[in-house]
Protein backbone atom coordinates (compact mmCIF):
# COMPACT_ATOMS: atom_id res chain seq x y z
CA MET A 1 -8.53 -30.27 21.47
CA LEU A 2 -12.19 -30.70 20.44
CA CYS A 3 -12.36 -27.13 19.11
CA ALA A 4 -9.20 -27.71 17.13
CA LEU A 5 -10.67 -30.88 15.63
CA GLN A 6 -13.88 -29.07 14.68
CA ARG A 7 -11.91 -26.36 12.91
CA ARG A 8 -9.93 -28.97 10.95
CA LEU A 9 -13.03 -31.03 10.09
CA PRO A 10 -14.74 -30.06 6.79
CA THR A 11 -18.22 -28.59 7.43
CA GLY A 12 -21.01 -31.17 7.09
CA LEU A 13 -18.55 -34.11 6.90
CA ALA A 14 -21.20 -36.74 7.61
CA LEU A 15 -23.68 -35.07 5.22
CA ARG A 16 -21.57 -34.66 2.09
CA GLY A 17 -20.84 -38.12 0.83
CA MET A 18 -18.81 -39.33 3.84
CA GLY A 19 -20.40 -41.70 6.34
CA VAL A 20 -20.18 -41.39 10.10
CA ALA A 21 -17.90 -44.43 10.36
CA THR A 22 -15.45 -42.94 7.87
CA GLY A 23 -15.52 -39.63 9.74
CA VAL A 24 -14.81 -41.33 13.04
CA ALA A 25 -11.92 -43.24 11.47
CA MET A 26 -10.40 -39.97 10.28
CA LEU A 27 -10.89 -38.40 13.69
CA ALA A 28 -9.15 -41.33 15.36
CA GLY A 29 -6.00 -40.36 13.53
CA MET A 30 -6.37 -36.70 14.48
CA GLY A 31 -6.71 -37.00 18.28
CA SER A 32 -7.58 -39.30 21.17
CA THR A 33 -10.06 -42.15 20.72
CA GLY A 34 -12.43 -40.65 23.32
CA GLU A 35 -12.60 -37.31 21.56
CA ALA A 36 -13.11 -39.03 18.22
CA GLU A 37 -15.99 -41.09 19.63
CA ARG A 38 -17.69 -38.05 21.18
CA LEU A 39 -17.45 -36.04 17.97
CA GLY A 40 -18.54 -39.06 15.97
CA GLU A 41 -21.65 -39.32 18.13
CA ARG A 42 -22.41 -35.66 17.43
CA LEU A 43 -22.05 -36.28 13.70
CA SER A 44 -24.38 -39.27 13.96
CA ASN A 45 -27.00 -37.17 15.78
CA THR A 46 -26.69 -34.45 13.13
CA ALA A 47 -27.21 -36.98 10.35
CA ARG A 48 -30.27 -38.40 12.13
CA LEU A 49 -31.74 -34.91 12.52
CA GLU A 50 -31.13 -34.20 8.85
CA ARG A 51 -32.99 -37.37 7.85
CA MET A 52 -35.93 -36.37 10.05
CA LEU A 53 -36.09 -32.92 8.46
CA LEU A 54 -35.98 -34.37 4.96
CA ALA A 55 -38.79 -36.80 5.78
CA ALA A 56 -41.04 -34.14 7.31
CA PRO A 57 -43.77 -32.81 4.98
CA ASN A 58 -43.36 -29.28 3.71
CA PRO A 59 -45.92 -26.89 5.20
CA GLU A 60 -48.21 -25.51 2.55
CA PRO A 61 -47.83 -21.74 2.10
CA GLU A 62 -50.71 -19.54 3.17
CA PRO A 63 -52.65 -18.27 0.13
CA GLN A 64 -51.97 -14.60 -0.56
CA PRO A 65 -54.97 -12.32 -1.15
CA LEU A 66 -55.27 -11.08 -4.72
CA SER A 67 -55.09 -7.38 -5.47
CA ARG A 68 -58.18 -5.80 -7.03
CA ALA A 69 -56.29 -5.63 -10.32
CA ALA A 70 -56.48 -9.43 -10.58
CA LEU A 71 -60.11 -9.92 -9.52
CA VAL A 72 -62.90 -10.78 -11.93
CA ASP A 73 -66.45 -11.96 -11.27
CA ASN A 74 -67.54 -15.55 -11.76
CA GLY A 75 -70.76 -14.94 -13.62
CA ASP A 76 -72.41 -12.38 -11.37
CA ALA A 77 -71.98 -8.77 -10.27
CA ALA A 78 -70.69 -9.64 -6.83
CA ASP A 79 -69.58 -6.10 -5.98
CA GLY A 80 -72.42 -4.08 -7.47
CA VAL A 81 -74.39 -3.28 -10.60
CA TYR A 82 -71.66 -4.08 -13.11
CA ARG A 83 -70.08 -7.48 -13.62
CA ILE A 84 -66.31 -7.33 -13.84
CA THR A 85 -65.33 -9.61 -16.69
CA PRO A 86 -61.69 -10.07 -17.70
CA GLU A 87 -62.27 -7.55 -20.51
CA ARG A 88 -63.69 -4.96 -18.13
CA ARG A 89 -60.99 -5.55 -15.53
CA ALA A 90 -58.35 -5.14 -18.23
CA LEU A 91 -59.94 -1.80 -19.18
CA LEU A 92 -60.01 -0.66 -15.55
CA ASN A 93 -56.35 -1.59 -15.21
CA THR A 94 -55.57 0.26 -18.44
CA ILE A 95 -57.27 3.40 -17.14
CA ARG A 96 -55.12 3.14 -14.01
CA TYR A 97 -52.04 2.71 -16.18
CA ALA A 98 -52.91 5.80 -18.21
CA GLU A 99 -53.77 7.87 -15.13
CA GLY A 100 -50.57 6.95 -13.27
CA THR A 101 -52.22 4.90 -10.51
CA TRP A 102 -51.34 1.42 -11.76
CA LEU A 103 -48.37 0.92 -9.40
CA GLU A 104 -47.80 -2.61 -10.76
CA GLY A 105 -51.34 -3.57 -9.78
CA SER A 106 -51.00 -2.57 -6.12
CA ASP A 107 -54.17 -1.64 -4.24
CA ARG A 108 -52.32 1.52 -3.16
CA GLY A 109 -53.50 2.92 -6.47
CA TYR A 110 -56.96 3.38 -4.97
CA ARG A 111 -55.49 5.89 -2.50
CA ILE A 112 -53.62 8.13 -4.94
CA LEU A 113 -54.20 11.87 -5.10
CA TYR A 114 -53.52 13.99 -8.16
CA GLY A 115 -49.77 14.58 -8.21
CA GLY A 116 -48.87 11.22 -6.64
CA GLY A 117 -49.59 11.79 -2.95
CA GLU A 118 -51.67 9.33 -0.94
CA PHE A 119 -54.65 9.56 1.38
CA GLN A 120 -55.76 6.97 3.93
CA ASP A 121 -59.48 7.38 4.63
CA LEU A 122 -61.58 5.50 2.09
CA ALA A 123 -64.88 6.38 3.73
CA ARG A 124 -65.39 9.20 1.23
CA HIS A 125 -63.72 11.11 -1.61
CA PRO A 126 -60.93 13.22 -0.03
CA GLU A 127 -61.86 16.39 -1.99
CA ARG A 128 -58.32 17.71 -1.54
CA VAL A 129 -57.05 20.21 -4.10
CA VAL A 130 -53.43 19.61 -5.11
CA VAL A 131 -51.46 22.26 -6.97
CA ARG A 132 -48.81 21.02 -9.39
CA ARG A 133 -48.52 22.03 -13.03
CA TYR A 134 -52.29 22.03 -12.90
CA SER A 135 -54.61 22.27 -9.90
CA SER A 136 -56.89 19.31 -9.30
CA ALA A 137 -58.84 17.49 -6.61
CA ALA A 138 -58.80 14.22 -8.57
CA ALA A 139 -58.37 11.13 -6.41
CA GLY A 140 -58.51 7.36 -6.44
CA ALA A 141 -57.56 4.70 -8.94
CA TYR A 142 -59.51 6.43 -11.70
CA GLN A 143 -58.76 10.01 -10.59
CA PHE A 144 -62.36 11.01 -9.94
CA LEU A 145 -63.08 14.71 -9.57
CA PRO A 146 -65.34 15.40 -6.55
CA ALA A 147 -68.37 16.36 -8.67
CA THR A 148 -67.93 13.34 -10.96
CA TRP A 149 -67.66 11.02 -7.98
CA SER A 150 -70.67 12.54 -6.25
CA ALA A 151 -72.87 12.02 -9.32
CA ALA A 152 -71.73 8.42 -9.83
CA ALA A 153 -72.04 7.57 -6.14
CA GLN A 154 -75.57 8.95 -6.03
CA LYS A 155 -76.56 7.06 -9.18
CA LEU A 156 -75.17 3.74 -7.89
CA SER A 157 -75.94 4.28 -4.18
CA LEU A 158 -72.27 3.95 -3.27
CA ARG A 159 -71.64 4.51 0.42
CA SER A 160 -67.84 4.73 0.50
CA PHE A 161 -64.74 5.32 -1.60
CA GLU A 162 -63.56 1.72 -1.16
CA PRO A 163 -61.87 0.01 -4.14
CA GLN A 164 -64.96 -1.98 -5.16
CA ALA A 165 -67.00 1.24 -5.19
CA GLN A 166 -64.37 2.97 -7.33
CA ASP A 167 -64.45 0.07 -9.81
CA GLN A 168 -68.22 0.32 -10.12
CA ALA A 169 -68.15 4.10 -10.56
CA ALA A 170 -65.52 3.83 -13.28
CA LEU A 171 -67.61 1.32 -15.23
CA TYR A 172 -70.62 3.61 -14.83
CA LEU A 173 -68.61 6.41 -16.47
CA VAL A 174 -67.50 4.05 -19.26
CA GLU A 175 -71.13 3.14 -19.94
CA LYS A 176 -72.21 6.76 -19.69
CA ARG A 177 -69.72 7.61 -22.45
CA GLY A 178 -71.24 4.89 -24.65
CA ALA A 179 -68.11 2.74 -24.63
CA LEU A 180 -69.04 -0.28 -22.51
CA ALA A 181 -70.95 -2.26 -25.16
CA GLU A 182 -68.21 -1.67 -27.74
CA LEU A 183 -65.56 -2.74 -25.25
CA ASP A 184 -67.46 -5.93 -24.42
CA ARG A 185 -67.82 -6.71 -28.11
CA ASP A 186 -64.51 -5.58 -29.64
CA GLY A 187 -62.06 -4.86 -26.83
CA LEU A 188 -60.08 -1.64 -26.45
CA THR A 189 -60.39 -0.14 -29.92
CA ASP A 190 -59.40 3.36 -31.00
CA GLY A 191 -63.11 4.14 -30.95
CA VAL A 192 -63.42 3.11 -27.30
CA MET A 193 -60.41 5.26 -26.40
CA ALA A 194 -61.90 8.24 -28.24
CA ARG A 195 -65.19 7.85 -26.35
CA LEU A 196 -63.30 7.80 -23.05
CA ALA A 197 -60.99 10.73 -23.89
CA PRO A 198 -63.45 13.35 -22.56
CA GLU A 199 -63.65 11.41 -19.28
CA TRP A 200 -59.96 10.67 -18.76
CA ALA A 201 -57.51 13.27 -20.07
CA SER A 202 -54.76 10.65 -20.43
CA PHE A 203 -56.78 8.78 -23.09
CA PRO A 204 -56.26 9.86 -26.71
CA THR A 205 -58.89 11.17 -29.08
CA ARG A 206 -58.98 9.67 -32.58
CA ALA A 207 -56.37 12.29 -33.50
CA GLY A 208 -54.11 10.89 -30.77
CA VAL A 209 -54.16 13.95 -28.51
CA SER A 210 -55.74 14.76 -25.16
CA ALA A 211 -59.18 16.31 -25.17
CA TYR A 212 -57.85 18.79 -22.61
CA GLY A 213 -54.37 19.57 -23.93
CA GLN A 214 -52.69 17.45 -21.24
CA PRO A 215 -50.08 14.66 -21.52
CA VAL A 216 -51.65 11.62 -23.15
CA LYS A 217 -50.86 7.96 -23.80
CA GLY A 218 -50.78 6.72 -27.38
CA HIS A 219 -53.27 4.29 -28.94
CA ARG A 220 -50.66 1.57 -29.42
CA GLU A 221 -49.27 1.85 -25.91
CA LEU A 222 -52.67 1.55 -24.28
CA ALA A 223 -53.79 -1.24 -26.61
CA ALA A 224 -50.59 -3.18 -25.88
CA PHE A 225 -51.08 -2.83 -22.12
CA TYR A 226 -54.73 -3.84 -22.40
CA ASP A 227 -54.01 -6.90 -24.54
CA SER A 228 -51.19 -8.11 -22.28
CA ASN A 229 -53.23 -7.61 -19.12
CA LEU A 230 -56.29 -9.28 -20.65
CA GLN A 231 -54.31 -12.38 -21.61
CA GLU A 232 -52.92 -12.62 -18.08
CA LEU A 233 -56.37 -12.28 -16.54
CA ARG A 234 -57.77 -14.97 -18.84
CA ARG A 235 -54.92 -17.35 -18.02
CA ASN A 236 -55.39 -16.80 -14.30
CA ARG A 237 -59.13 -17.35 -14.58
CA LEU A 238 -58.71 -20.61 -16.50
CA ALA A 239 -56.14 -21.82 -13.99
CA ALA A 240 -58.47 -20.98 -11.10
CA LEU A 241 -61.40 -22.79 -12.73
CA ALA A 242 -59.25 -25.85 -13.45
CA SER A 243 -58.07 -25.90 -9.86
CA GLN A 244 -61.65 -25.78 -8.58
CA GLU A 245 -62.80 -28.59 -10.87
CA SER A 246 -60.00 -31.04 -10.09
CA PRO A 247 -58.18 -30.11 -6.89
CA LEU A 248 -55.03 -32.11 -6.21
CA PRO A 249 -54.81 -34.07 -2.95
CA SER A 250 -52.86 -32.19 -0.32
CA SER A 251 -50.11 -34.81 -0.32
CA ARG A 252 -49.51 -34.33 -4.05
CA ARG A 253 -49.21 -30.57 -3.74
CA ARG A 254 -46.30 -30.89 -1.35
CA ILE A 255 -42.80 -30.49 -2.69
CA ARG A 256 -40.75 -33.54 -1.87
CA ARG A 257 -37.04 -33.39 -1.41
CA SER A 258 -34.88 -36.17 -2.78
């Protein structure tokens, strides 16, 4: 009889605008008084549990670690010789976008081989030749060739192929091509792209073509990606600074249910 009553009773009767007393009164007309009282007690317990759950504070979510693509320095070169300002991070992300290692900002991009495969050991450059349309041993977020990486690593005393080391080596190459000061001053101009074209084949010369006759991204496409990414980085940085200056009490950060 109780199972039959439960099937006939609308789900959540006591929780959807109908009080326990009203539910019990309905049940009294559907079966014996004893069964109605027992089921009414269960409804009352359910309602009490629901009130306890609603009153309990929401646990605060664990903070998720940021990907390298979102990290900028706060006034110092925390990871090496070069500070990573929002403008420089936006350029690094744009290089990844052009080279096919962006992957929506995922840190997996630091493990990409030429051709799209992945490697796992970040202790050193993998130096693995991949044959596709072209043959290349390029690897990492910025598709370093082994000789290019070796020279940059020696210059900067880099001891691994970890993401922070790759970022520093890429900025070294940008400076070596004479583009870093112009980037810091004017952003990603056509002139900056042209200076970087001999370093990254996916960047266009002033004529809009690759310096090596390979597929290339256009000036407008790269500038649009850079500008969008830079604005996002600046917004995130301002939000982080504001949060540090005036943190909300823990109780105010909780989401309260009505």
